[in-house]
Structure formats: structure tokens, C-alpha cells
Amino acid sequence: MKRDFARGRSERLTRLSSIDVPLAAAIAALPAVGLAAHLPSHLLLPAIAAVAFATAGVAAAFGLLTRTARNAATVTIWDFAGGCVLIGVAAGAFSEPIQVSQLLGVATAAP
């Protein structure tokens, strides 16, 4: 009986903390739209990489706090965090070092 209770609680936590994919995508896209409206085009990739990594960190912290199962059959917050990391790595790989330094205010112009 104890085993069934523990399994039921785990399934209930997974069901409660699983996320709605379109809603999460819309929430994650809002900062990217804001960046596109306020930054020059050559600084977008490093900024999107930073925002994607920050979003992944927040999503992972939420996953830890809610104790979301990592091997659930549905899309969970862990999958969302992994997707954000993938976007951050891709955006960081395509950005140039001078763009990152310009975004951080270290360099003012390209050589």
C-alpha cells in the first residue's frame, strides 16, 4: 500500500508541474522580442544567448523546487530548460567575441 501511495504522489507532482509548451514558448519569447526592439541587430545573438541561459537557470530552479520528475512521459520544465540551453549554446556559437564585448560595454567599435 505504501508503494502505491508514493507512486501516486510522484505522478501527481509530475502532472502538476508539467508545463504547457505553447505558453512556455510565448513567455520565453517575450524577452527576445523586447531585445529585438531595443538592441542593434549585431548585438542580438549574444543578448539572446544570455537571456536563454538565464531562462534555463530559472526553469531549472523551478524544476528543483517543485521536484519535477526528470523521466516523465510528458514535456516537463526540464525539457524546457534543456531547450533554452540549446538555444543559448547555438546563439553563443554564432556570435563573435567582439559582439559580446560590445554588448558588455568593454569595446565600443569593431576593429
PDB file of N, CA and C in Angstrom:
ATOM      1  N   MET A   1       0.811  -1.193   0.000  1.00  0.00           N
ATOM      2  CA  MET A   1       0.000   0.000   0.000  1.00  0.00           C
ATOM      3  C   MET A   1       0.858   1.262   0.000  1.00  0.00           C
ATOM      4  N   LYS A   2       1.939   1.226   0.754  1.00  0.00           N
ATOM      5  CA  LYS A   2       2.823   2.381   0.798  1.00  0.00           C
ATOM      6  C   LYS A   2       3.417   2.684  -0.569  1.00  0.00           C
ATOM      7  N   ARG A   3       3.754   1.653  -1.283  1.00  0.00           N
ATOM      8  CA  ARG A   3       4.355   1.823  -2.597  1.00  0.00           C
ATOM      9  C   ARG A   3       3.386   2.514  -3.555  1.00  0.00           C
ATOM     10  N   ASP A   4       2.116   2.149  -3.547  1.00  0.00           N
ATOM     11  CA  ASP A   4       1.138   2.774  -4.423  1.00  0.00           C
ATOM     12  C   ASP A   4       0.934   4.246  -4.066  1.00  0.00           C
ATOM     13  N   PHE A   5       0.960   4.539  -2.769  1.00  0.00           N
ATOM     14  CA  PHE A   5       0.805   5.925  -2.350  1.00  0.00           C
ATOM     15  C   PHE A   5       1.963   6.777  -2.858  1.00  0.00           C
ATOM     16  N   ALA A   6       3.180   6.278  -2.737  1.00  0.00           N
ATOM     17  CA  ALA A   6       4.347   7.032  -3.201  1.00  0.00           C
ATOM     18  C   ALA A   6       4.314   7.207  -4.707  1.00  0.00           C
ATOM     19  N   ARG A   7       3.915   6.177  -5.430  1.00  0.00           N
ATOM     20  CA  ARG A   7       3.851   6.281  -6.886  1.00  0.00           C
ATOM     21  C   ARG A   7       2.777   7.283  -7.300  1.00  0.00           C
ATOM     22  N   GLY A   8       1.637   7.271  -6.630  1.00  0.00           N
ATOM     23  CA  GLY A   8       0.563   8.208  -6.946  1.00  0.00           C
ATOM     24  C   GLY A   8       0.977   9.647  -6.689  1.00  0.00           C
ATOM     25  N   ARG A   9       1.705   9.865  -5.611  1.00  0.00           N
ATOM     26  CA  ARG A   9       2.175  11.220  -5.300  1.00  0.00           C
ATOM     27  C   ARG A   9       3.159  11.701  -6.347  1.00  0.00           C
ATOM     28  N   SER A  10       4.039  10.818  -6.805  1.00  0.00           N
ATOM     29  CA  SER A  10       5.010  11.186  -7.834  1.00  0.00           C
ATOM     30  C   SER A  10       4.316  11.538  -9.137  1.00  0.00           C
ATOM     31  N   GLU A  11       3.314  10.752  -9.511  1.00  0.00           N
ATOM     32  CA  GLU A  11       2.584  11.055 -10.741  1.00  0.00           C
ATOM     33  C   GLU A  11       1.825  12.363 -10.617  1.00  0.00           C
ATOM     34  N   ARG A  12       1.265  12.622  -9.430  1.00  0.00           N
ATOM     35  CA  ARG A  12       0.529  13.860  -9.216  1.00  0.00           C
ATOM     36  C   ARG A  12       1.468  15.056  -9.304  1.00  0.00           C
ATOM     37  N   LEU A  13       2.674  14.975  -8.711  1.00  0.00           N
ATOM     38  CA  LEU A  13       3.633  16.073  -8.802  1.00  0.00           C
ATOM     39  C   LEU A  13       4.061  16.313 -10.236  1.00  0.00           C
ATOM     40  N   THR A  14       4.270  15.241 -10.986  1.00  0.00           N
ATOM     41  CA  THR A  14       4.668  15.392 -12.383  1.00  0.00           C
ATOM     42  C   THR A  14       3.557  16.046 -13.180  1.00  0.00           C
ATOM     43  N   ARG A  15       2.328  15.651 -12.936  1.00  0.00           N
ATOM     44  CA  ARG A  15       1.206  16.209 -13.671  1.00  0.00           C
ATOM     45  C   ARG A  15       1.018  17.680 -13.317  1.00  0.00           C
ATOM     46  N   LEU A  16       1.200  18.037 -12.046  1.00  0.00           N
ATOM     47  CA  LEU A  16       1.033  19.425 -11.647  1.00  0.00           C
ATOM     48  C   LEU A  16       2.157  20.312 -12.147  1.00  0.00           C
ATOM     49  N   SER A  17       3.366  19.782 -12.238  1.00  0.00           N
ATOM     50  CA  SER A  17       4.495  20.627 -12.616  1.00  0.00           C
ATOM     51  C   SER A  17       4.876  20.475 -14.075  1.00  0.00           C
ATOM     52  N   SER A  18       4.129  19.685 -14.841  1.00  0.00           N
ATOM     53  CA  SER A  18       4.398  19.663 -16.278  1.00  0.00           C
ATOM     54  C   SER A  18       3.890  20.972 -16.866  1.00  0.00           C
ATOM     55  N   ILE A  19       4.496  21.399 -17.938  1.00  0.00           N
ATOM     56  CA  ILE A  19       4.204  22.728 -18.451  1.00  0.00           C
ATOM     57  C   ILE A  19       3.456  22.646 -19.762  1.00  0.00           C
ATOM     58  N   ASP A  20       2.778  23.684 -20.065  1.00  0.00           N
ATOM     59  CA  ASP A  20       2.094  23.814 -21.336  1.00  0.00           C
ATOM     60  C   ASP A  20       3.098  24.422 -22.316  1.00  0.00           C
ATOM     61  N   VAL A  21       3.443  23.676 -23.339  1.00  0.00           N
ATOM     62  CA  VAL A  21       4.532  24.074 -24.239  1.00  0.00           C
ATOM     63  C   VAL A  21       4.260  25.403 -24.937  1.00  0.00           C
ATOM     64  N   PRO A  22       3.106  25.645 -25.527  1.00  0.00           N
ATOM     65  CA  PRO A  22       2.904  26.953 -26.179  1.00  0.00           C
ATOM     66  C   PRO A  22       2.976  28.128 -25.204  1.00  0.00           C
ATOM     67  N   LEU A  23       2.475  27.927 -23.993  1.00  0.00           N
ATOM     68  CA  LEU A  23       2.545  29.002 -23.002  1.00  0.00           C
ATOM     69  C   LEU A  23       3.991  29.294 -22.617  1.00  0.00           C
ATOM     70  N   ALA A  24       4.768  28.250 -22.389  1.00  0.00           N
ATOM     71  CA  ALA A  24       6.171  28.444 -22.030  1.00  0.00           C
ATOM     72  C   ALA A  24       6.947  29.094 -23.168  1.00  0.00           C
ATOM     73  N   ALA A  25       6.656  28.695 -24.401  1.00  0.00           N
ATOM     74  CA  ALA A  25       7.337  29.299 -25.554  1.00  0.00           C
ATOM     75  C   ALA A  25       6.978  30.777 -25.684  1.00  0.00           C
ATOM     76  N   ALA A  26       5.732  31.111 -25.437  1.00  0.00           N
ATOM     77  CA  ALA A  26       5.329  32.513 -25.520  1.00  0.00           C
ATOM     78  C   ALA A  26       5.985  33.345 -24.432  1.00  0.00           C
ATOM     79  N   ILE A  27       6.062  32.789 -23.224  1.00  0.00           N
ATOM     80  CA  ILE A  27       6.703  33.514 -22.129  1.00  0.00           C
ATOM     81  C   ILE A  27       8.192  33.691 -22.396  1.00  0.00           C
ATOM     82  N   ALA A  28       8.827  32.671 -22.958  1.00  0.00           N
ATOM     83  CA  ALA A  28      10.259  32.761 -23.247  1.00  0.00           C
ATOM     84  C   ALA A  28      10.536  33.690 -24.425  1.00  0.00           C
ATOM     85  N   ALA A  29       9.590  33.844 -25.326  1.00  0.00           N
ATOM     86  CA  ALA A  29       9.804  34.696 -26.497  1.00  0.00           C
ATOM     87  C   ALA A  29       9.651  36.183 -26.169  1.00  0.00           C
ATOM     88  N   LEU A  30       8.983  36.520 -25.092  1.00  0.00           N
ATOM     89  CA  LEU A  30       8.780  37.932 -24.761  1.00  0.00           C
ATOM     90  C   LEU A  30      10.085  38.702 -24.569  1.00  0.00           C
ATOM     91  N   PRO A  31      11.069  38.191 -23.810  1.00  0.00           N
ATOM     92  CA  PRO A  31      12.327  38.943 -23.704  1.00  0.00           C
ATOM     93  C   PRO A  31      13.070  39.055 -25.040  1.00  0.00           C
ATOM     94  N   ALA A  32      12.965  38.038 -25.885  1.00  0.00           N
ATOM     95  CA  ALA A  32      13.639  38.095 -27.181  1.00  0.00           C
ATOM     96  C   ALA A  32      13.025  39.181 -28.066  1.00  0.00           C
ATOM     97  N   VAL A  33      11.719  39.319 -28.010  1.00  0.00           N
ATOM     98  CA  VAL A  33      11.055  40.382 -28.784  1.00  0.00           C
ATOM     99  C   VAL A  33      11.460  41.750 -28.242  1.00  0.00           C
ATOM    100  N   GLY A  34      11.546  41.866 -26.932  1.00  0.00           N
ATOM    101  CA  GLY A  34      11.995  43.125 -26.336  1.00  0.00           C
ATOM    102  C   GLY A  34      13.428  43.470 -26.712  1.00  0.00           C
ATOM    103  N   LEU A  35      14.280  42.445 -26.747  1.00  0.00           N
ATOM    104  CA  LEU A  35      15.665  42.683 -27.166  1.00  0.00           C
ATOM    105  C   LEU A  35      15.733  43.123 -28.623  1.00  0.00           C
ATOM    106  N   ALA A  36      14.949  42.497 -29.466  1.00  0.00           N
ATOM    107  CA  ALA A  36      14.966  42.839 -30.890  1.00  0.00           C
ATOM    108  C   ALA A  36      14.494  44.269 -31.124  1.00  0.00           C
ATOM    109  N   ALA A  37      13.628  44.747 -30.266  1.00  0.00           N
ATOM    110  CA  ALA A  37      13.120  46.109 -30.435  1.00  0.00           C
ATOM    111  C   ALA A  37      14.103  47.167 -29.939  1.00  0.00           C
ATOM    112  N   HIS A  38      14.990  46.807 -29.003  1.00  0.00           N
ATOM    113  CA  HIS A  38      15.827  47.828 -28.381  1.00  0.00           C
ATOM    114  C   HIS A  38      17.324  47.707 -28.638  1.00  0.00           C
ATOM    115  N   LEU A  39      17.772  46.620 -29.252  1.00  0.00           N
ATOM    116  CA  LEU A  39      19.202  46.444 -29.495  1.00  0.00           C
ATOM    117  C   LEU A  39      19.509  46.500 -30.980  1.00  0.00           C
ATOM    118  N   PRO A  40      20.707  46.941 -31.339  1.00  0.00           N
ATOM    119  CA  PRO A  40      21.108  46.854 -32.739  1.00  0.00           C
ATOM    120  C   PRO A  40      21.213  45.392 -33.180  1.00  0.00           C
ATOM    121  N   SER A  41      21.065  45.159 -34.450  1.00  0.00           N
ATOM    122  CA  SER A  41      20.997  43.784 -34.952  1.00  0.00           C
ATOM    123  C   SER A  41      22.280  42.994 -34.705  1.00  0.00           C
ATOM    124  N   HIS A  42      23.440  43.639 -34.688  1.00  0.00           N
ATOM    125  CA  HIS A  42      24.685  42.891 -34.499  1.00  0.00           C
ATOM    126  C   HIS A  42      24.886  42.457 -33.043  1.00  0.00           C
ATOM    127  N   LEU A  43      24.073  42.946 -32.123  1.00  0.00           N
ATOM    128  CA  LEU A  43      24.183  42.543 -30.715  1.00  0.00           C
ATOM    129  C   LEU A  43      23.098  41.557 -30.288  1.00  0.00           C
ATOM    130  N   LEU A  44      22.235  41.157 -31.211  1.00  0.00           N
ATOM    131  CA  LEU A  44      21.122  40.291 -30.838  1.00  0.00           C
ATOM    132  C   LEU A  44      21.561  38.885 -30.436  1.00  0.00           C
ATOM    133  N   LEU A  45      22.476  38.277 -31.170  1.00  0.00           N
ATOM    134  CA  LEU A  45      22.870  36.905 -30.853  1.00  0.00           C
ATOM    135  C   LEU A  45      23.482  36.762 -29.460  1.00  0.00           C
ATOM    136  N   PRO A  46      24.443  37.593 -29.065  1.00  0.00           N
ATOM    137  CA  PRO A  46      24.942  37.437 -27.695  1.00  0.00           C
ATOM    138  C   PRO A  46      23.888  37.755 -26.634  1.00  0.00           C
ATOM    139  N   ALA A  47      23.001  38.687 -26.913  1.00  0.00           N
ATOM    140  CA  ALA A  47      21.947  39.014 -25.946  1.00  0.00           C
ATOM    141  C   ALA A  47      20.952  37.867 -25.831  1.00  0.00           C
ATOM    142  N   ILE A  48      20.597  37.258 -26.944  1.00  0.00           N
ATOM    143  CA  ILE A  48      19.680  36.117 -26.908  1.00  0.00           C
ATOM    144  C   ILE A  48      20.331  34.948 -26.184  1.00  0.00           C
ATOM    145  N   ALA A  49      21.625  34.754 -26.361  1.00  0.00           N
ATOM    146  CA  ALA A  49      22.330  33.684 -25.649  1.00  0.00           C
ATOM    147  C   ALA A  49      22.266  33.922 -24.137  1.00  0.00           C
ATOM    148  N   ALA A  50      22.495  35.142 -23.717  1.00  0.00           N
ATOM    149  CA  ALA A  50      22.450  35.448 -22.279  1.00  0.00           C
ATOM    150  C   ALA A  50      21.054  35.266 -21.711  1.00  0.00           C
ATOM    151  N   VAL A  51      20.044  35.715 -22.432  1.00  0.00           N
ATOM    152  CA  VAL A  51      18.664  35.566 -21.967  1.00  0.00           C
ATOM    153  C   VAL A  51      18.261  34.095 -21.938  1.00  0.00           C
ATOM    154  N   ALA A  52      18.699  33.325 -22.932  1.00  0.00           N
ATOM    155  CA  ALA A  52      18.357  31.900 -22.971  1.00  0.00           C
ATOM    156  C   ALA A  52      18.988  31.156 -21.796  1.00  0.00           C
ATOM    157  N   PHE A  53      20.236  31.462 -21.474  1.00  0.00           N
ATOM    158  CA  PHE A  53      20.878  30.827 -20.324  1.00  0.00           C
ATOM    159  C   PHE A  53      20.213  31.240 -19.008  1.00  0.00           C
ATOM    160  N   ALA A  54      19.823  32.493 -18.902  1.00  0.00           N
ATOM    161  CA  ALA A  54      19.131  32.946 -17.688  1.00  0.00           C
ATOM    162  C   ALA A  54      17.765  32.270 -17.554  1.00  0.00           C
ATOM    163  N   THR A  55      17.052  32.146 -18.655  1.00  0.00           N
ATOM    164  CA  THR A  55      15.757  31.466 -18.640  1.00  0.00           C
ATOM    165  C   THR A  55      15.919  30.005 -18.268  1.00  0.00           C
ATOM    166  N   ALA A  56      16.961  29.366 -18.778  1.00  0.00           N
ATOM    167  CA  ALA A  56      17.219  27.967 -18.444  1.00  0.00           C
ATOM    168  C   ALA A  56      17.527  27.814 -16.958  1.00  0.00           C
ATOM    169  N   GLY A  57      18.267  28.744 -16.406  1.00  0.00           N
ATOM    170  CA  GLY A  57      18.565  28.696 -14.978  1.00  0.00           C
ATOM    171  C   GLY A  57      17.321  28.851 -14.115  1.00  0.00           C
ATOM    172  N   VAL A  58      16.446  29.765 -14.500  1.00  0.00           N
ATOM    173  CA  VAL A  58      15.199  29.955 -13.759  1.00  0.00           C
ATOM    174  C   VAL A  58      14.318  28.716 -13.885  1.00  0.00           C
ATOM    175  N   ALA A  59      14.243  28.152 -15.087  1.00  0.00           N
ATOM    176  CA  ALA A  59      13.429  26.950 -15.290  1.00  0.00           C
ATOM    177  C   ALA A  59      13.985  25.772 -14.505  1.00  0.00           C
ATOM    178  N   ALA A  60      15.294  25.622 -14.467  1.00  0.00           N
ATOM    179  CA  ALA A  60      15.901  24.533 -13.702  1.00  0.00           C
ATOM    180  C   ALA A  60      15.673  24.723 -12.203  1.00  0.00           C
ATOM    181  N   ALA A  61      15.753  25.942 -11.726  1.00  0.00           N
ATOM    182  CA  ALA A  61      15.476  26.205 -10.314  1.00  0.00           C
ATOM    183  C   ALA A  61      14.027  25.880  -9.979  1.00  0.00           C
ATOM    184  N   PHE A  62      13.125  26.219 -10.876  1.00  0.00           N
ATOM    185  CA  PHE A  62      11.716  25.880 -10.679  1.00  0.00           C
ATOM    186  C   PHE A  62      11.521  24.362 -10.670  1.00  0.00           C
ATOM    187  N   GLY A  63      12.224  23.672 -11.555  1.00  0.00           N
ATOM    188  CA  GLY A  63      12.144  22.216 -11.585  1.00  0.00           C
ATOM    189  C   GLY A  63      12.658  21.581 -10.303  1.00  0.00           C
ATOM    190  N   LEU A  64      13.725  22.148  -9.757  1.00  0.00           N
ATOM    191  CA  LEU A  64      14.245  21.637  -8.490  1.00  0.00           C
ATOM    192  C   LEU A  64      13.292  21.909  -7.330  1.00  0.00           C
ATOM    193  N   LEU A  65      12.741  23.108  -7.291  1.00  0.00           N
ATOM    194  CA  LEU A  65      11.848  23.469  -6.186  1.00  0.00           C
ATOM    195  C   LEU A  65      10.555  22.667  -6.201  1.00  0.00           C
ATOM    196  N   THR A  66      10.047  22.365  -7.386  1.00  0.00           N
ATOM    197  CA  THR A  66       8.797  21.608  -7.475  1.00  0.00           C
ATOM    198  C   THR A  66       9.037  20.109  -7.550  1.00  0.00           C
ATOM    199  N   ARG A  67      10.302  19.689  -7.543  1.00  0.00           N
ATOM    200  CA  ARG A  67      10.679  18.270  -7.597  1.00  0.00           C
ATOM    201  C   ARG A  67      10.033  17.556  -8.776  1.00  0.00           C
ATOM    202  N   THR A  68      10.158  18.164  -9.949  1.00  0.00           N
ATOM    203  CA  THR A  68       9.599  17.589 -11.161  1.00  0.00           C
ATOM    204  C   THR A  68      10.383  16.350 -11.554  1.00  0.00           C
ATOM    205  N   ALA A  69       9.667  15.318 -11.936  1.00  0.00           N
ATOM    206  CA  ALA A  69      10.326  14.087 -12.387  1.00  0.00           C
ATOM    207  C   ALA A  69      11.063  14.350 -13.692  1.00  0.00           C
ATOM    208  N   ARG A  70      12.283  13.859 -13.787  1.00  0.00           N
ATOM    209  CA  ARG A  70      13.085  14.108 -14.978  1.00  0.00           C
ATOM    210  C   ARG A  70      12.786  13.135 -16.110  1.00  0.00           C
ATOM    211  N   ASN A  71      12.179  12.014 -15.802  1.00  0.00           N
ATOM    212  CA  ASN A  71      11.927  11.000 -16.829  1.00  0.00           C
ATOM    213  C   ASN A  71      10.438  10.808 -17.065  1.00  0.00           C
ATOM    214  N   ALA A  72       9.679  11.884 -17.051  1.00  0.00           N
ATOM    215  CA  ALA A  72       8.236  11.808 -17.257  1.00  0.00           C
ATOM    216  C   ALA A  72       7.931  11.602 -18.741  1.00  0.00           C
ATOM    217  N   ALA A  73       6.741  11.107 -19.007  1.00  0.00           N
ATOM    218  CA  ALA A  73       6.339  10.863 -20.391  1.00  0.00           C
ATOM    219  C   ALA A  73       5.915  12.144 -21.096  1.00  0.00           C
ATOM    220  N   THR A  74       5.562  13.167 -20.351  1.00  0.00           N
ATOM    221  CA  THR A  74       5.144  14.428 -20.945  1.00  0.00           C
ATOM    222  C   THR A  74       6.306  15.412 -20.954  1.00  0.00           C
ATOM    223  N   VAL A  75       6.097  16.543 -21.585  1.00  0.00           N
ATOM    224  CA  VAL A  75       7.108  17.598 -21.598  1.00  0.00           C
ATOM    225  C   VAL A  75       7.085  18.281 -20.244  1.00  0.00           C
ATOM    226  N   THR A  76       8.243  18.362 -19.607  1.00  0.00           N
ATOM    227  CA  THR A  76       8.332  18.970 -18.286  1.00  0.00           C
ATOM    228  C   THR A  76       9.193  20.221 -18.346  1.00  0.00           C
ATOM    229  N   ILE A  77       9.353  20.821 -17.207  1.00  0.00           N
ATOM    230  CA  ILE A  77      10.179  22.027 -17.111  1.00  0.00           C
ATOM    231  C   ILE A  77      11.635  21.721 -17.436  1.00  0.00           C
ATOM    232  N   TRP A  78      12.064  20.479 -17.203  1.00  0.00           N
ATOM    233  CA  TRP A  78      13.437  20.089 -17.522  1.00  0.00           C
ATOM    234  C   TRP A  78      13.660  20.105 -19.032  1.00  0.00           C
ATOM    235  N   ASP A  79      12.674  19.685 -19.794  1.00  0.00           N
ATOM    236  CA  ASP A  79      12.781  19.726 -21.253  1.00  0.00           C
ATOM    237  C   ASP A  79      12.852  21.171 -21.744  1.00  0.00           C
ATOM    238  N   PHE A  80      12.054  22.021 -21.127  1.00  0.00           N
ATOM    239  CA  PHE A  80      12.072  23.435 -21.472  1.00  0.00           C
ATOM    240  C   PHE A  80      13.431  24.059 -21.158  1.00  0.00           C
ATOM    241  N   ALA A  81      13.995  23.730 -19.997  1.00  0.00           N
ATOM    242  CA  ALA A  81      15.317  24.249 -19.632  1.00  0.00           C
ATOM    243  C   ALA A  81      16.377  23.744 -20.598  1.00  0.00           C
ATOM    244  N   GLY A  82      16.292  22.489 -20.995  1.00  0.00           N
ATOM    245  CA  GLY A  82      17.246  21.955 -21.966  1.00  0.00           C
ATOM    246  C   GLY A  82      17.147  22.636 -23.307  1.00  0.00           C
ATOM    247  N   GLY A  83      15.931  22.947 -23.745  1.00  0.00           N
ATOM    248  CA  GLY A  83      15.754  23.679 -24.996  1.00  0.00           C
ATOM    249  C   GLY A  83      16.337  25.081 -24.917  1.00  0.00           C
ATOM    250  N   CYS A  84      16.172  25.732 -23.775  1.00  0.00           N
ATOM    251  CA  CYS A  84      16.752  27.071 -23.599  1.00  0.00           C
ATOM    252  C   CYS A  84      18.277  27.014 -23.630  1.00  0.00           C
ATOM    253  N   VAL A  85      18.855  25.985 -23.019  1.00  0.00           N
ATOM    254  CA  VAL A  85      20.314  25.833 -23.065  1.00  0.00           C
ATOM    255  C   VAL A  85      20.775  25.605 -24.499  1.00  0.00           C
ATOM    256  N   LEU A  86      20.049  24.793 -25.241  1.00  0.00           N
ATOM    257  CA  LEU A  86      20.408  24.542 -26.641  1.00  0.00           C
ATOM    258  C   LEU A  86      20.368  25.828 -27.462  1.00  0.00           C
ATOM    259  N   ILE A  87      19.350  26.636 -27.253  1.00  0.00           N
ATOM    260  CA  ILE A  87      19.261  27.923 -27.955  1.00  0.00           C
ATOM    261  C   ILE A  87      20.408  28.836 -27.537  1.00  0.00           C
ATOM    262  N   GLY A  88      20.733  28.857 -26.248  1.00  0.00           N
ATOM    263  CA  GLY A  88      21.829  29.696 -25.766  1.00  0.00           C
ATOM    264  C   GLY A  88      23.170  29.278 -26.330  1.00  0.00           C
ATOM    265  N   VAL A  89      23.404  27.974 -26.407  1.00  0.00           N
ATOM    266  CA  VAL A  89      24.670  27.488 -26.970  1.00  0.00           C
ATOM    267  C   VAL A  89      24.760  27.829 -28.452  1.00  0.00           C
ATOM    268  N   ALA A  90      23.663  27.637 -29.179  1.00  0.00           N
ATOM    269  CA  ALA A  90      23.677  27.944 -30.614  1.00  0.00           C
ATOM    270  C   ALA A  90      23.881  29.441 -30.858  1.00  0.00           C
ATOM    271  N   ALA A  91      23.185  30.279 -30.115  1.00  0.00           N
ATOM    272  CA  ALA A  91      23.349  31.725 -30.285  1.00  0.00           C
ATOM    273  C   ALA A  91      24.750  32.170 -29.881  1.00  0.00           C
ATOM    274  N   GLY A  92      25.296  31.572 -28.843  1.00  0.00           N
ATOM    275  CA  GLY A  92      26.655  31.913 -28.429  1.00  0.00           C
ATOM    276  C   GLY A  92      27.696  31.445 -29.428  1.00  0.00           C
ATOM    277  N   ALA A  93      27.447  30.313 -30.076  1.00  0.00           N
ATOM    278  CA  ALA A  93      28.401  29.798 -31.056  1.00  0.00           C
ATOM    279  C   ALA A  93      28.441  30.658 -32.311  1.00  0.00           C
ATOM    280  N   PHE A  94      27.312  31.240 -32.678  1.00  0.00           N
ATOM    281  CA  PHE A  94      27.270  32.048 -33.888  1.00  0.00           C
ATOM    282  C   PHE A  94      27.653  33.508 -33.658  1.00  0.00           C
ATOM    283  N   SER A  95      27.750  33.934 -32.411  1.00  0.00           N
ATOM    284  CA  SER A  95      28.137  35.322 -32.158  1.00  0.00           C
ATOM    285  C   SER A  95      29.658  35.444 -32.106  1.00  0.00           C
ATOM    286  N   GLU A  96      30.131  36.604 -32.448  1.00  0.00           N
ATOM    287  CA  GLU A  96      31.569  36.884 -32.463  1.00  0.00           C
ATOM    288  C   GLU A  96      32.000  37.459 -31.108  1.00  0.00           C
ATOM    289  N   PRO A  97      33.256  37.266 -30.731  1.00  0.00           N
ATOM    290  CA  PRO A  97      33.733  37.817 -29.454  1.00  0.00           C
ATOM    291  C   PRO A  97      33.613  39.341 -29.367  1.00  0.00           C
ATOM    292  N   ILE A  98      33.804  40.030 -30.475  1.00  0.00           N
ATOM    293  CA  ILE A  98      33.690  41.487 -30.449  1.00  0.00           C
ATOM    294  C   ILE A  98      32.254  41.916 -30.163  1.00  0.00           C
ATOM    295  N   GLN A  99      31.286  41.120 -30.618  1.00  0.00           N
ATOM    296  CA  GLN A  99      29.881  41.428 -30.336  1.00  0.00           C
ATOM    297  C   GLN A  99      29.578  41.285 -28.849  1.00  0.00           C
ATOM    298  N   VAL A 100      30.154  40.278 -28.233  1.00  0.00           N
ATOM    299  CA  VAL A 100      29.947  40.073 -26.797  1.00  0.00           C
ATOM    300  C   VAL A 100      30.570  41.222 -26.012  1.00  0.00           C
ATOM    301  N   SER A 101      31.769  41.635 -26.400  1.00  0.00           N
ATOM    302  CA  SER A 101      32.411  42.738 -25.693  1.00  0.00           C
ATOM    303  C   SER A 101      31.667  44.046 -25.913  1.00  0.00           C
ATOM    304  N   GLN A 102      31.078  44.236 -27.088  1.00  0.00           N
ATOM    305  CA  GLN A 102      30.271  45.433 -27.320  1.00  0.00           C
ATOM    306  C   GLN A 102      28.993  45.391 -26.483  1.00  0.00           C
ATOM    307  N   LEU A 103      28.408  44.210 -26.355  1.00  0.00           N
ATOM    308  CA  LEU A 103      27.196  44.083 -25.546  1.00  0.00           C
ATOM    309  C   LEU A 103      27.481  44.403 -24.085  1.00  0.00           C
ATOM    310  N   LEU A 104      28.639  43.969 -23.597  1.00  0.00           N
ATOM    311  CA  LEU A 104      29.003  44.219 -22.205  1.00  0.00           C
ATOM    312  C   LEU A 104      29.584  45.606 -21.975  1.00  0.00           C
ATOM    313  N   GLY A 105      29.823  46.347 -23.055  1.00  0.00           N
ATOM    314  CA  GLY A 105      30.333  47.697 -22.920  1.00  0.00           C
ATOM    315  C   GLY A 105      31.833  47.792 -22.805  1.00  0.00           C
ATOM    316  N   VAL A 106      32.547  46.716 -23.087  1.00  0.00           N
ATOM    317  CA  VAL A 106      34.005  46.724 -22.993  1.00  0.00           C
ATOM    318  C   VAL A 106      34.612  47.369 -24.232  1.00  0.00           C
ATOM    319  N   ALA A 107      34.093  47.021 -25.391  1.00  0.00           N
ATOM    320  CA  ALA A 107      34.579  47.597 -26.654  1.00  0.00           C
ATOM    321  C   ALA A 107      33.501  48.493 -27.224  1.00  0.00           C
ATOM    322  N   THR A 108      33.930  49.537 -27.926  1.00  0.00           N
ATOM    323  CA  THR A 108      32.957  50.472 -28.480  1.00  0.00           C
ATOM    324  C   THR A 108      32.740  50.301 -29.966  1.00  0.00           C
ATOM    325  N   ALA A 109      33.735  49.859 -30.700  1.00  0.00           N
ATOM    326  CA  ALA A 109      33.589  49.710 -32.149  1.00  0.00           C
ATOM    327  C   ALA A 109      34.387  48.508 -32.615  1.00  0.00           C
ATOM    328  N   ALA A 110      33.965  47.960 -33.749  1.00  0.00           N
ATOM    329  CA  ALA A 110      34.681  46.819 -34.330  1.00  0.00           C
ATOM    330  C   ALA A 110      35.983  47.306 -34.934  1.00  0.00           C
ATOM    331  N   PRO A 111      37.066  46.500 -34.851  1.00  0.00           N
ATOM    332  CA  PRO A 111      38.359  46.938 -35.412  1.00  0.00           C
ATOM    333  C   PRO A 111      38.348  46.983 -36.908  1.00  0.00           C
TER     334      PRO A 111
END
